[in-house]
């Protein structure tokens, strides 16, 4: 007598989530309640949009401060131009180098999220972290901290020369602008350190998204610093 076997249950796969941003998504399940359920991630472009929206108030802040700088300089009689520390140029080179190393790390992280499925197709195995990616991320962090240390040293040089926050309107704006940038860059260092720690042992798809988003912020702060440098040093 022939028997009818029940249909075999299809194995549930974890989505590769590579180009769609990985587990930075909303975590919704496509079916079932177990841990192997397919997850619907948010597209990576949404994180791009999110970080650019987050940068809008930062742009407005620096534009307001730089506008006040130009207006204050043009309308006041007590403005006295000052010779800023040459260390600022070395700090700029360090920050540019950090953007380059972070871009190398981002490009080397492109294979993240590539999945190797077992023959049954039931499991997603992630590639172990590439040593080169860790090396470039750590180099970026070191350069970021070196830039911040250089800024502190530049401020100490000004203090040693008797230039303080209230010495002159130009010195006041110098301290305010550079300190505001340093605080925002410190936030980028913290974010990049978190991404590096998250990807230290395993390259999960979310790590690729984290490096990409952190890179956008980092490059943006690099561009802001170049703008501030031109404004403070080269503005007549």
N, C-alpha and C. Protein backbone atom coordinates (compact mmCIF):
# COMPACT_ATOMS: atom_id res chain seq x y z
N UNK A 1 0.85 -1.19 0.00
CA UNK A 1 0.00 0.00 0.00
C UNK A 1 0.88 1.24 0.00
N UNK A 2 0.62 2.13 -0.93
CA UNK A 2 1.45 3.34 -1.03
C UNK A 2 1.12 4.32 0.08
N UNK A 3 2.14 4.92 0.58
CA UNK A 3 1.95 5.93 1.64
C UNK A 3 2.36 7.30 1.10
N UNK A 4 1.68 8.28 1.62
CA UNK A 4 1.97 9.66 1.20
C UNK A 4 2.73 10.35 2.32
N UNK A 5 3.94 10.70 2.04
CA UNK A 5 4.76 11.38 3.07
C UNK A 5 4.40 12.86 3.10
N UNK A 6 4.40 13.43 4.29
CA UNK A 6 4.07 14.86 4.40
C UNK A 6 5.13 15.70 3.70
N UNK A 7 4.71 16.84 3.17
CA UNK A 7 5.68 17.70 2.47
C UNK A 7 6.76 18.17 3.42
N UNK A 8 7.98 18.23 2.90
CA UNK A 8 9.11 18.65 3.70
C UNK A 8 9.07 20.17 3.86
N UNK A 9 9.34 20.58 5.06
CA UNK A 9 9.32 22.00 5.37
C UNK A 9 10.59 22.67 4.81
N UNK A 10 10.37 23.73 4.06
CA UNK A 10 11.52 24.42 3.46
C UNK A 10 12.36 25.07 4.54
N UNK A 11 13.66 24.96 4.36
CA UNK A 11 14.56 25.58 5.35
C UNK A 11 14.49 27.09 5.22
N UNK A 12 14.54 27.73 6.34
CA UNK A 12 14.50 29.19 6.37
C UNK A 12 15.92 29.71 6.36
N UNK A 13 16.11 30.70 5.55
CA UNK A 13 17.45 31.24 5.39
C UNK A 13 17.51 32.64 5.97
N UNK A 14 18.63 32.95 6.54
CA UNK A 14 18.90 34.33 6.91
C UNK A 14 19.31 35.07 5.65
N UNK A 15 18.75 36.21 5.42
CA UNK A 15 19.09 36.97 4.24
C UNK A 15 20.54 37.41 4.27
N UNK A 16 21.20 37.42 3.14
CA UNK A 16 22.58 37.89 3.10
C UNK A 16 22.71 39.34 3.55
N UNK A 17 21.74 40.14 3.20
CA UNK A 17 21.66 41.51 3.70
C UNK A 17 22.89 42.33 3.35
N UNK A 18 23.57 41.95 2.31
CA UNK A 18 24.83 42.62 2.00
C UNK A 18 24.65 44.06 1.60
N UNK A 19 24.02 44.30 0.42
CA UNK A 19 23.92 45.65 -0.08
C UNK A 19 22.77 46.41 0.54
N UNK A 20 21.98 45.78 1.36
CA UNK A 20 20.83 46.46 1.91
C UNK A 20 21.05 46.94 3.32
N UNK A 21 22.27 46.88 3.81
CA UNK A 21 22.52 47.49 5.11
C UNK A 21 22.59 46.53 6.25
N UNK A 22 22.42 45.22 6.01
CA UNK A 22 22.62 44.25 7.07
C UNK A 22 21.62 44.38 8.18
N UNK A 23 22.09 44.07 9.39
CA UNK A 23 21.21 44.04 10.52
C UNK A 23 20.94 45.41 11.11
N UNK A 24 21.36 46.43 10.40
CA UNK A 24 20.96 47.75 10.82
C UNK A 24 19.51 47.99 10.44
N UNK A 25 18.86 46.99 9.85
CA UNK A 25 17.48 47.12 9.42
C UNK A 25 16.53 47.10 10.59
N UNK A 26 15.24 47.04 10.24
CA UNK A 26 14.23 47.16 11.27
C UNK A 26 13.97 45.87 12.00
N UNK A 27 14.59 44.75 11.57
CA UNK A 27 14.48 43.51 12.31
C UNK A 27 13.15 42.82 12.15
N UNK A 28 12.36 43.17 11.12
CA UNK A 28 11.09 42.49 10.93
C UNK A 28 11.32 41.10 10.36
N UNK A 29 10.50 40.18 10.73
CA UNK A 29 10.65 38.80 10.29
C UNK A 29 9.73 38.55 9.11
N UNK A 30 10.23 37.74 8.17
CA UNK A 30 9.44 37.42 7.02
C UNK A 30 8.57 36.22 7.26
N UNK A 31 8.70 35.54 8.36
CA UNK A 31 7.87 34.40 8.63
C UNK A 31 8.45 33.60 9.76
N UNK A 32 7.59 32.99 10.57
CA UNK A 32 8.07 32.16 11.66
C UNK A 32 8.62 32.99 12.78
N UNK A 33 8.94 32.34 13.88
CA UNK A 33 9.44 33.07 15.03
C UNK A 33 10.78 32.61 15.49
N UNK A 34 11.41 31.67 14.77
CA UNK A 34 12.70 31.19 15.25
C UNK A 34 13.81 32.10 14.78
N UNK A 35 15.03 31.82 15.25
CA UNK A 35 16.16 32.69 14.97
C UNK A 35 16.63 32.65 13.55
N UNK A 36 16.23 31.62 12.76
CA UNK A 36 16.67 31.52 11.39
C UNK A 36 15.70 32.18 10.42
N UNK A 37 14.74 32.90 10.93
CA UNK A 37 13.74 33.51 10.06
C UNK A 37 14.40 34.57 9.18
N UNK A 38 13.87 34.70 7.99
CA UNK A 38 14.39 35.68 7.06
C UNK A 38 14.04 37.09 7.56
N UNK A 39 15.04 37.97 7.57
CA UNK A 39 14.82 39.33 8.05
C UNK A 39 14.80 40.29 6.87
N UNK A 40 13.92 41.26 6.95
CA UNK A 40 13.81 42.25 5.91
C UNK A 40 14.58 43.50 6.33
N UNK A 41 15.76 43.72 5.78
CA UNK A 41 16.57 44.86 6.21
C UNK A 41 16.11 46.14 5.53
N UNK A 42 16.48 47.25 6.12
CA UNK A 42 16.27 48.53 5.46
C UNK A 42 17.34 48.70 4.39
N UNK A 43 16.98 49.25 3.23
CA UNK A 43 17.98 49.47 2.18
C UNK A 43 19.09 50.39 2.67
N UNK A 44 20.29 50.15 2.15
CA UNK A 44 21.44 50.93 2.56
C UNK A 44 21.26 52.40 2.25
N UNK A 45 20.54 52.70 1.17
CA UNK A 45 20.35 54.10 0.80
C UNK A 45 19.58 54.86 1.88
N UNK A 46 18.78 54.16 2.68
CA UNK A 46 18.07 54.84 3.76
C UNK A 46 19.04 55.32 4.84
N UNK A 47 20.09 54.56 5.07
CA UNK A 47 21.09 54.99 6.03
C UNK A 47 21.91 56.14 5.47
N UNK A 48 22.16 56.12 4.16
CA UNK A 48 22.80 57.26 3.52
C UNK A 48 21.95 58.50 3.70
N UNK A 49 20.66 58.37 3.44
CA UNK A 49 19.75 59.51 3.61
C UNK A 49 19.72 59.96 5.06
N UNK A 50 19.70 59.00 5.98
CA UNK A 50 19.65 59.35 7.40
C UNK A 50 20.87 60.12 7.86
N UNK A 51 22.06 59.68 7.44
CA UNK A 51 23.27 60.37 7.90
C UNK A 51 23.37 61.76 7.29
N UNK A 52 22.91 61.91 6.04
CA UNK A 52 22.96 63.24 5.44
C UNK A 52 21.97 64.19 6.11
N UNK A 53 20.81 63.67 6.49
CA UNK A 53 19.88 64.50 7.25
C UNK A 53 20.46 64.88 8.61
N UNK A 54 21.20 63.94 9.21
CA UNK A 54 21.83 64.24 10.51
C UNK A 54 22.92 65.29 10.37
N UNK A 55 23.52 65.39 9.19
CA UNK A 55 24.58 66.37 8.98
C UNK A 55 24.05 67.77 8.73
N UNK A 56 22.79 67.88 8.39
CA UNK A 56 22.22 69.20 8.08
C UNK A 56 22.36 70.18 9.24
N UNK A 57 21.97 69.82 10.49
CA UNK A 57 22.15 70.78 11.58
C UNK A 57 23.61 71.12 11.86
N UNK A 58 24.52 70.19 11.58
CA UNK A 58 25.95 70.49 11.77
C UNK A 58 26.39 71.52 10.74
N UNK A 59 25.92 71.36 9.51
CA UNK A 59 26.23 72.35 8.47
C UNK A 59 25.70 73.72 8.88
N UNK A 60 24.46 73.75 9.37
CA UNK A 60 23.87 75.02 9.78
C UNK A 60 24.65 75.66 10.92
N UNK A 61 25.14 74.82 11.85
CA UNK A 61 25.91 75.35 12.98
C UNK A 61 27.19 76.02 12.51
N UNK A 62 27.94 75.33 11.67
CA UNK A 62 29.22 75.89 11.22
C UNK A 62 29.02 77.07 10.28
N UNK A 63 27.95 77.05 9.50
CA UNK A 63 27.67 78.20 8.64
C UNK A 63 27.31 79.42 9.47
N UNK A 64 26.56 79.20 10.55
CA UNK A 64 26.22 80.32 11.43
C UNK A 64 27.46 80.89 12.11
N UNK A 65 28.33 80.00 12.60
CA UNK A 65 29.54 80.47 13.26
C UNK A 65 30.47 81.18 12.29
N UNK A 66 30.63 80.63 11.09
CA UNK A 66 31.52 81.27 10.13
C UNK A 66 30.94 82.59 9.63
N UNK A 67 29.62 82.67 9.49
CA UNK A 67 29.00 83.93 9.10
C UNK A 67 29.22 84.99 10.18
N UNK A 68 29.06 84.60 11.44
CA UNK A 68 29.32 85.53 12.53
C UNK A 68 30.78 85.96 12.54
N UNK A 69 31.67 85.05 12.20
CA UNK A 69 33.10 85.38 12.13
C UNK A 69 33.36 86.47 11.09
N UNK A 70 32.80 86.30 9.90
CA UNK A 70 33.03 87.25 8.82
C UNK A 70 32.40 88.62 9.15
N UNK A 71 31.17 88.59 9.67
CA UNK A 71 30.49 89.84 10.00
C UNK A 71 31.21 90.58 11.12
N UNK A 72 31.61 89.83 12.16
CA UNK A 72 32.31 90.45 13.29
C UNK A 72 33.64 91.06 12.85
N UNK A 73 34.30 90.39 11.96
CA UNK A 73 35.58 90.91 11.47
C UNK A 73 35.39 92.17 10.65
N UNK A 74 34.34 92.21 9.86
CA UNK A 74 34.15 93.35 8.97
C UNK A 74 33.59 94.58 9.65
N UNK A 75 32.85 94.40 10.75
CA UNK A 75 32.17 95.52 11.38
C UNK A 75 32.87 96.07 12.62
N UNK A 76 33.90 95.41 13.09
CA UNK A 76 34.52 95.82 14.35
C UNK A 76 35.84 96.54 14.10
N UNK A 77 36.18 97.42 15.05
CA UNK A 77 37.46 98.12 15.00
C UNK A 77 38.50 97.50 15.91
N UNK A 78 38.09 96.54 16.72
CA UNK A 78 39.02 95.93 17.67
C UNK A 78 39.54 94.58 17.20
N UNK A 79 39.27 94.27 15.94
CA UNK A 79 39.73 92.98 15.40
C UNK A 79 41.23 93.05 15.14
N UNK A 80 41.94 92.08 15.64
CA UNK A 80 43.39 92.02 15.44
C UNK A 80 43.77 90.64 14.90
N UNK A 81 44.28 90.63 13.69
CA UNK A 81 44.69 89.37 13.09
C UNK A 81 45.87 88.80 13.86
N UNK A 82 45.89 87.47 13.94
CA UNK A 82 46.92 86.80 14.73
C UNK A 82 47.59 85.71 13.90
N UNK A 83 48.81 85.40 14.28
CA UNK A 83 49.54 84.32 13.63
C UNK A 83 49.19 83.01 14.33
N UNK A 84 48.50 82.14 13.62
CA UNK A 84 48.08 80.88 14.21
C UNK A 84 49.22 79.86 14.16
N UNK A 85 49.21 78.87 15.03
CA UNK A 85 50.30 77.88 15.09
C UNK A 85 50.46 77.13 13.76
N UNK A 86 51.69 76.96 13.36
CA UNK A 86 51.96 76.18 12.14
C UNK A 86 51.57 74.72 12.31
N UNK A 87 51.36 74.31 13.55
CA UNK A 87 50.95 72.93 13.81
C UNK A 87 49.62 72.61 13.15
N UNK A 88 48.82 73.64 12.87
CA UNK A 88 47.53 73.41 12.23
C UNK A 88 47.68 72.72 10.88
N UNK A 89 48.75 73.05 10.16
CA UNK A 89 48.96 72.42 8.85
C UNK A 89 49.31 70.93 9.01
N UNK A 90 50.10 70.62 10.02
CA UNK A 90 50.41 69.21 10.27
C UNK A 90 49.14 68.46 10.71
N UNK A 91 48.33 69.10 11.53
CA UNK A 91 47.07 68.47 11.94
C UNK A 91 46.17 68.21 10.73
N UNK A 92 46.18 69.15 9.80
CA UNK A 92 45.37 68.97 8.58
C UNK A 92 45.85 67.77 7.77
N UNK A 93 47.17 67.62 7.67
CA UNK A 93 47.71 66.47 6.94
C UNK A 93 47.33 65.16 7.63
N UNK A 94 47.35 65.15 8.95
CA UNK A 94 46.96 63.95 9.70
C UNK A 94 45.49 63.61 9.44
N UNK A 95 44.63 64.63 9.46
CA UNK A 95 43.21 64.37 9.24
C UNK A 95 42.93 63.90 7.82
N UNK A 96 43.62 64.47 6.85
CA UNK A 96 43.47 64.00 5.47
C UNK A 96 43.93 62.55 5.33
N UNK A 97 45.02 62.23 6.00
CA UNK A 97 45.51 60.85 5.97
C UNK A 97 44.50 59.89 6.60
N UNK A 98 43.82 60.33 7.65
CA UNK A 98 42.83 59.47 8.29
C UNK A 98 41.64 59.20 7.36
N UNK A 99 41.26 60.18 6.56
CA UNK A 99 40.20 59.95 5.59
C UNK A 99 40.64 58.93 4.54
N UNK A 100 41.90 59.01 4.14
CA UNK A 100 42.41 58.06 3.16
C UNK A 100 42.41 56.64 3.72
N UNK A 101 42.86 56.48 4.96
CA UNK A 101 42.91 55.14 5.54
C UNK A 101 41.51 54.57 5.77
N UNK A 102 40.57 55.43 6.13
CA UNK A 102 39.20 54.96 6.32
C UNK A 102 38.57 54.55 4.99
N UNK A 103 38.91 55.26 3.93
CA UNK A 103 38.40 54.87 2.62
C UNK A 103 38.98 53.53 2.19
N UNK A 104 40.25 53.28 2.51
CA UNK A 104 40.84 51.98 2.21
C UNK A 104 40.11 50.88 2.99
N UNK A 105 39.83 51.14 4.26
CA UNK A 105 39.10 50.16 5.06
C UNK A 105 37.71 49.90 4.49
N UNK A 106 37.04 50.95 4.05
CA UNK A 106 35.70 50.78 3.48
C UNK A 106 35.75 49.91 2.22
N UNK A 107 36.73 50.16 1.37
CA UNK A 107 36.82 49.38 0.14
C UNK A 107 37.19 47.93 0.41
N UNK A 108 38.04 47.72 1.40
CA UNK A 108 38.42 46.35 1.72
C UNK A 108 37.28 45.61 2.42
N UNK A 109 36.30 46.34 2.92
CA UNK A 109 35.17 45.70 3.59
C UNK A 109 34.06 45.35 2.61
N UNK A 110 34.25 45.58 1.33
CA UNK A 110 33.20 45.31 0.37
C UNK A 110 32.74 43.86 0.34
N UNK A 111 33.63 42.85 0.56
CA UNK A 111 33.14 41.47 0.58
C UNK A 111 32.26 41.15 1.78
N UNK A 112 32.10 42.08 2.74
CA UNK A 112 31.27 41.79 3.90
C UNK A 112 29.87 41.45 3.44
N UNK A 113 29.28 40.52 4.15
CA UNK A 113 27.91 40.13 3.86
C UNK A 113 27.83 39.04 2.81
N UNK A 114 28.95 38.65 2.19
CA UNK A 114 28.92 37.53 1.26
C UNK A 114 28.69 36.26 2.06
N UNK A 115 27.73 35.49 1.64
CA UNK A 115 27.30 34.35 2.43
C UNK A 115 27.79 33.04 1.81
N UNK A 116 28.14 32.12 2.68
CA UNK A 116 28.43 30.76 2.26
C UNK A 116 27.42 29.87 2.94
N UNK A 117 26.57 29.28 2.18
CA UNK A 117 25.53 28.44 2.74
C UNK A 117 26.00 26.98 2.76
N UNK A 118 25.55 26.28 3.75
CA UNK A 118 25.81 24.85 3.79
C UNK A 118 25.00 24.17 2.70
N UNK A 119 25.26 22.88 2.48
CA UNK A 119 24.57 22.17 1.41
C UNK A 119 23.06 22.15 1.64
N UNK A 120 22.67 22.13 2.89
CA UNK A 120 21.23 22.14 3.17
C UNK A 120 20.64 23.52 2.99
N UNK A 121 21.49 24.54 2.95
CA UNK A 121 21.01 25.90 2.75
C UNK A 121 20.35 26.49 3.97
N UNK A 122 20.55 25.89 5.14
CA UNK A 122 19.81 26.32 6.31
C UNK A 122 20.56 27.33 7.15
N UNK A 123 21.85 27.50 6.93
CA UNK A 123 22.64 28.37 7.78
C UNK A 123 23.39 29.39 6.93
N UNK A 124 23.62 30.53 7.52
CA UNK A 124 24.43 31.56 6.91
C UNK A 124 25.73 31.67 7.69
N UNK A 125 26.84 31.46 7.02
CA UNK A 125 28.13 31.53 7.67
C UNK A 125 28.84 32.80 7.22
N UNK A 126 29.29 33.57 8.15
CA UNK A 126 29.95 34.83 7.86
C UNK A 126 31.46 34.63 7.79
N UNK A 127 32.08 35.32 6.86
CA UNK A 127 33.52 35.24 6.76
C UNK A 127 34.16 35.84 8.01
N UNK A 128 35.26 35.27 8.50
CA UNK A 128 35.95 35.89 9.63
C UNK A 128 36.51 37.24 9.23
N UNK A 129 36.76 38.07 10.22
CA UNK A 129 37.21 39.43 9.95
C UNK A 129 38.55 39.42 9.23
N UNK A 130 38.68 40.27 8.23
CA UNK A 130 39.93 40.36 7.49
C UNK A 130 40.93 41.20 8.28
N UNK A 131 42.15 40.71 8.49
CA UNK A 131 43.14 41.49 9.25
C UNK A 131 43.39 42.85 8.64
N UNK A 132 43.34 42.96 7.31
CA UNK A 132 43.61 44.24 6.67
C UNK A 132 42.56 45.28 7.04
N UNK A 133 41.30 44.86 7.16
CA UNK A 133 40.24 45.81 7.53
C UNK A 133 40.47 46.34 8.94
N UNK A 134 40.80 45.43 9.86
CA UNK A 134 41.08 45.85 11.23
C UNK A 134 42.27 46.80 11.27
N UNK A 135 43.28 46.50 10.48
CA UNK A 135 44.48 47.34 10.49
C UNK A 135 44.16 48.76 10.05
N UNK A 136 43.39 48.90 8.97
CA UNK A 136 43.08 50.23 8.45
C UNK A 136 42.11 50.97 9.36
N UNK A 137 41.18 50.27 9.99
CA UNK A 137 40.28 50.92 10.93
C UNK A 137 41.04 51.43 12.15
N UNK A 138 41.93 50.60 12.67
CA UNK A 138 42.72 51.02 13.82
C UNK A 138 43.65 52.18 13.46
N UNK A 139 44.19 52.16 12.25
CA UNK A 139 45.03 53.27 11.81
C UNK A 139 44.24 54.57 11.75
N UNK A 140 43.01 54.48 11.26
CA UNK A 140 42.15 55.66 11.21
C UNK A 140 41.87 56.20 12.60
N UNK A 141 41.57 55.31 13.53
CA UNK A 141 41.33 55.73 14.91
C UNK A 141 42.56 56.41 15.50
N UNK A 142 43.73 55.83 15.26
CA UNK A 142 44.97 56.41 15.78
C UNK A 142 45.22 57.80 15.20
N UNK A 143 44.97 57.97 13.90
CA UNK A 143 45.17 59.28 13.28
C UNK A 143 44.15 60.29 13.80
N UNK A 144 42.91 59.83 14.03
CA UNK A 144 41.92 60.74 14.59
C UNK A 144 42.30 61.23 15.97
N UNK A 145 42.78 60.32 16.80
CA UNK A 145 43.24 60.72 18.13
C UNK A 145 44.48 61.61 18.05
N UNK A 146 45.34 61.33 17.08
CA UNK A 146 46.53 62.17 16.91
C UNK A 146 46.13 63.58 16.50
N UNK A 147 45.12 63.71 15.66
CA UNK A 147 44.63 65.03 15.28
C UNK A 147 44.10 65.79 16.49
N UNK A 148 43.31 65.12 17.32
CA UNK A 148 42.77 65.78 18.51
C UNK A 148 43.89 66.19 19.47
N UNK A 149 44.90 65.32 19.61
CA UNK A 149 46.04 65.67 20.45
C UNK A 149 46.79 66.87 19.88
N UNK A 150 46.90 66.92 18.54
CA UNK A 150 47.54 68.06 17.91
C UNK A 150 46.77 69.36 18.13
N UNK A 151 45.44 69.26 18.15
CA UNK A 151 44.64 70.45 18.43
C UNK A 151 44.87 70.95 19.86
N UNK A 152 44.93 70.03 20.79
CA UNK A 152 45.23 70.42 22.17
C UNK A 152 46.59 71.09 22.27
N UNK A 153 47.56 70.55 21.55
CA UNK A 153 48.90 71.14 21.58
C UNK A 153 48.90 72.54 20.96
N UNK A 154 48.12 72.72 19.88
CA UNK A 154 48.03 74.04 19.27
C UNK A 154 47.41 75.05 20.23
N UNK A 155 46.39 74.63 20.96
CA UNK A 155 45.80 75.53 21.96
C UNK A 155 46.80 75.87 23.06
N UNK A 156 47.59 74.89 23.48
CA UNK A 156 48.59 75.15 24.51
C UNK A 156 49.66 76.12 24.01
N UNK A 157 50.00 76.03 22.75
CA UNK A 157 50.96 76.97 22.19
C UNK A 157 50.42 78.40 22.22
N UNK A 158 49.14 78.54 21.92
CA UNK A 158 48.53 79.87 21.97
C UNK A 158 48.49 80.40 23.41
N UNK A 159 48.16 79.53 24.35
CA UNK A 159 48.12 79.94 25.75
C UNK A 159 49.52 80.37 26.21
N UNK A 160 50.54 79.64 25.76
CA UNK A 160 51.91 80.00 26.13
C UNK A 160 52.30 81.36 25.58
N UNK A 161 51.68 81.77 24.48
CA UNK A 161 51.94 83.08 23.88
C UNK A 161 51.06 84.17 24.48
N UNK A 162 50.22 83.78 25.43
CA UNK A 162 49.33 84.76 26.05
C UNK A 162 48.06 85.02 25.27
N UNK A 163 47.70 84.11 24.36
CA UNK A 163 46.48 84.25 23.57
C UNK A 163 45.41 83.35 24.19
N UNK A 164 44.37 84.00 24.74
CA UNK A 164 43.31 83.26 25.41
C UNK A 164 41.99 83.48 24.67
N UNK A 165 40.95 82.88 25.22
CA UNK A 165 39.64 82.97 24.59
C UNK A 165 39.17 84.42 24.51
N UNK A 166 39.41 85.20 25.55
CA UNK A 166 38.92 86.58 25.61
C UNK A 166 39.97 87.61 25.23
N UNK A 167 41.09 87.18 24.67
CA UNK A 167 42.15 88.13 24.32
C UNK A 167 41.70 89.08 23.22
N UNK A 168 41.06 88.51 22.20
CA UNK A 168 40.67 89.28 21.03
C UNK A 168 39.50 88.56 20.36
N UNK A 169 38.66 89.28 19.64
CA UNK A 169 37.58 88.58 18.93
C UNK A 169 38.08 87.48 17.99
N UNK A 170 39.21 87.71 17.34
CA UNK A 170 39.73 86.68 16.44
C UNK A 170 40.14 85.43 17.20
N UNK A 171 40.77 85.60 18.36
CA UNK A 171 41.15 84.43 19.16
C UNK A 171 39.91 83.73 19.72
N UNK A 172 38.88 84.52 20.06
CA UNK A 172 37.65 83.91 20.55
C UNK A 172 37.03 83.01 19.49
N UNK A 173 36.93 83.49 18.27
CA UNK A 173 36.37 82.69 17.19
C UNK A 173 37.26 81.49 16.88
N UNK A 174 38.56 81.67 16.97
CA UNK A 174 39.46 80.54 16.71
C UNK A 174 39.19 79.40 17.70
N UNK A 175 39.14 79.72 18.97
CA UNK A 175 38.90 78.69 19.97
C UNK A 175 37.52 78.05 19.80
N UNK A 176 36.51 78.89 19.54
CA UNK A 176 35.15 78.36 19.42
C UNK A 176 35.01 77.45 18.21
N UNK A 177 35.52 77.89 17.07
CA UNK A 177 35.38 77.10 15.85
C UNK A 177 36.16 75.79 15.93
N UNK A 178 37.42 75.86 16.36
CA UNK A 178 38.23 74.64 16.41
C UNK A 178 37.74 73.68 17.49
N UNK A 179 37.26 74.22 18.61
CA UNK A 179 36.75 73.35 19.66
C UNK A 179 35.45 72.68 19.24
N UNK A 180 34.58 73.42 18.53
CA UNK A 180 33.33 72.83 18.04
C UNK A 180 33.62 71.70 17.07
N UNK A 181 34.58 71.92 16.19
CA UNK A 181 34.96 70.85 15.26
C UNK A 181 35.56 69.66 16.00
N UNK A 182 36.39 69.92 16.99
CA UNK A 182 37.03 68.83 17.73
C UNK A 182 35.99 67.98 18.46
N UNK A 183 34.97 68.61 19.01
CA UNK A 183 33.92 67.86 19.71
C UNK A 183 33.18 66.95 18.74
N UNK A 184 32.86 67.46 17.56
CA UNK A 184 32.16 66.65 16.57
C UNK A 184 33.05 65.52 16.05
N UNK A 185 34.34 65.81 15.88
CA UNK A 185 35.24 64.74 15.43
C UNK A 185 35.41 63.69 16.51
N UNK A 186 35.41 64.10 17.76
CA UNK A 186 35.48 63.14 18.85
C UNK A 186 34.28 62.19 18.81
N UNK A 187 33.11 62.73 18.47
CA UNK A 187 31.95 61.86 18.28
C UNK A 187 32.17 60.85 17.18
N UNK A 188 32.84 61.28 16.10
CA UNK A 188 33.17 60.34 15.02
C UNK A 188 34.15 59.28 15.47
N UNK A 189 35.11 59.65 16.32
CA UNK A 189 36.06 58.67 16.86
C UNK A 189 35.34 57.62 17.69
N UNK A 190 34.40 58.07 18.52
CA UNK A 190 33.63 57.13 19.35
C UNK A 190 32.81 56.19 18.47
N UNK A 191 32.15 56.74 17.45
CA UNK A 191 31.34 55.91 16.56
C UNK A 191 32.21 54.90 15.81
N UNK A 192 33.36 55.35 15.33
CA UNK A 192 34.24 54.44 14.59
C UNK A 192 34.83 53.37 15.50
N UNK A 193 35.11 53.73 16.74
CA UNK A 193 35.59 52.74 17.70
C UNK A 193 34.52 51.67 17.95
N UNK A 194 33.27 52.10 18.02
CA UNK A 194 32.18 51.14 18.21
C UNK A 194 32.06 50.20 17.02
N UNK A 195 32.17 50.75 15.81
CA UNK A 195 32.10 49.91 14.61
C UNK A 195 33.27 48.93 14.57
N UNK A 196 34.46 49.41 14.94
CA UNK A 196 35.64 48.54 14.94
C UNK A 196 35.48 47.40 15.94
N UNK A 197 34.98 47.72 17.13
CA UNK A 197 34.77 46.69 18.14
C UNK A 197 33.71 45.69 17.70
N UNK A 198 32.69 46.16 17.04
CA UNK A 198 31.61 45.29 16.58
C UNK A 198 32.09 44.30 15.53
N UNK A 199 33.05 44.73 14.72
CA UNK A 199 33.54 43.89 13.62
C UNK A 199 34.87 43.23 13.94
N UNK A 200 35.26 43.23 15.21
CA UNK A 200 36.60 42.75 15.54
C UNK A 200 36.76 41.25 15.29
N UNK A 201 35.76 40.46 15.63
CA UNK A 201 35.87 39.01 15.49
C UNK A 201 35.18 38.48 14.25
N UNK A 202 34.05 39.07 13.90
CA UNK A 202 33.29 38.57 12.77
C UNK A 202 32.83 39.74 11.91
N UNK A 203 32.86 39.52 10.61
CA UNK A 203 32.38 40.53 9.69
C UNK A 203 30.90 40.29 9.41
N UNK A 204 30.06 40.83 10.23
CA UNK A 204 28.64 40.73 9.97
C UNK A 204 28.23 41.78 8.94
N UNK A 205 27.11 41.56 8.25
CA UNK A 205 26.68 42.56 7.26
C UNK A 205 26.50 43.94 7.83
N UNK A 206 26.11 44.03 9.11
CA UNK A 206 25.93 45.34 9.72
C UNK A 206 27.24 46.11 9.82
N UNK A 207 28.35 45.38 9.88
CA UNK A 207 29.63 46.06 9.97
C UNK A 207 29.94 46.87 8.73
N UNK A 208 29.57 46.33 7.59
CA UNK A 208 29.81 47.05 6.33
C UNK A 208 29.02 48.34 6.31
N UNK A 209 27.77 48.29 6.75
CA UNK A 209 26.96 49.49 6.79
C UNK A 209 27.54 50.49 7.78
N UNK A 210 28.01 50.00 8.93
CA UNK A 210 28.58 50.89 9.92
C UNK A 210 29.81 51.61 9.41
N UNK A 211 30.68 50.89 8.72
CA UNK A 211 31.89 51.52 8.17
C UNK A 211 31.51 52.55 7.11
N UNK A 212 30.52 52.23 6.29
CA UNK A 212 30.11 53.16 5.24
C UNK A 212 29.54 54.44 5.82
N UNK A 213 28.64 54.31 6.79
CA UNK A 213 28.01 55.48 7.39
C UNK A 213 29.02 56.30 8.19
N UNK A 214 29.88 55.61 8.95
CA UNK A 214 30.92 56.32 9.70
C UNK A 214 31.87 57.04 8.75
N UNK A 215 32.13 56.43 7.59
CA UNK A 215 33.00 57.07 6.61
C UNK A 215 32.42 58.35 6.06
N UNK A 216 31.11 58.37 5.82
CA UNK A 216 30.47 59.59 5.34
C UNK A 216 30.65 60.72 6.35
N UNK A 217 30.39 60.40 7.62
CA UNK A 217 30.53 61.41 8.67
C UNK A 217 31.98 61.88 8.78
N UNK A 218 32.90 60.93 8.72
CA UNK A 218 34.33 61.26 8.89
C UNK A 218 34.81 62.16 7.76
N UNK A 219 34.47 61.81 6.53
CA UNK A 219 34.89 62.63 5.39
C UNK A 219 34.25 64.02 5.46
N UNK A 220 33.03 64.07 5.95
CA UNK A 220 32.36 65.36 6.10
C UNK A 220 33.11 66.24 7.09
N UNK A 221 33.50 65.68 8.24
CA UNK A 221 34.23 66.46 9.23
C UNK A 221 35.60 66.87 8.70
N UNK A 222 36.18 66.05 7.85
CA UNK A 222 37.43 66.41 7.19
C UNK A 222 37.22 67.65 6.31
N UNK A 223 36.15 67.64 5.51
CA UNK A 223 35.86 68.79 4.65
C UNK A 223 35.56 70.05 5.48
N UNK A 224 34.86 69.88 6.60
CA UNK A 224 34.58 71.03 7.47
C UNK A 224 35.88 71.63 7.99
N UNK A 225 36.82 70.77 8.37
CA UNK A 225 38.09 71.29 8.89
C UNK A 225 38.85 72.07 7.83
N UNK A 226 38.89 71.58 6.60
CA UNK A 226 39.57 72.31 5.53
C UNK A 226 38.90 73.67 5.32
N UNK A 227 37.58 73.68 5.38
CA UNK A 227 36.86 74.95 5.26
C UNK A 227 37.24 75.91 6.38
N UNK A 228 37.28 75.40 7.61
CA UNK A 228 37.63 76.25 8.74
C UNK A 228 39.07 76.74 8.65
N UNK A 229 39.95 75.87 8.19
CA UNK A 229 41.36 76.26 8.06
C UNK A 229 41.51 77.40 7.06
N UNK A 230 40.84 77.29 5.93
CA UNK A 230 40.90 78.36 4.94
C UNK A 230 40.28 79.65 5.48
N UNK A 231 39.22 79.51 6.25
CA UNK A 231 38.56 80.68 6.80
C UNK A 231 39.44 81.38 7.84
N UNK A 232 40.06 80.61 8.72
CA UNK A 232 40.82 81.20 9.83
C UNK A 232 42.20 81.68 9.41
N UNK A 233 42.84 80.94 8.52
CA UNK A 233 44.24 81.23 8.20
C UNK A 233 44.37 82.10 6.96
N UNK A 234 43.57 81.83 5.95
CA UNK A 234 43.73 82.51 4.67
C UNK A 234 42.78 83.67 4.45
N UNK A 235 41.76 83.78 5.31
CA UNK A 235 40.82 84.90 5.14
C UNK A 235 41.54 86.21 5.46
N UNK A 236 41.45 87.20 4.59
CA UNK A 236 42.20 88.45 4.81
C UNK A 236 41.70 89.21 6.03
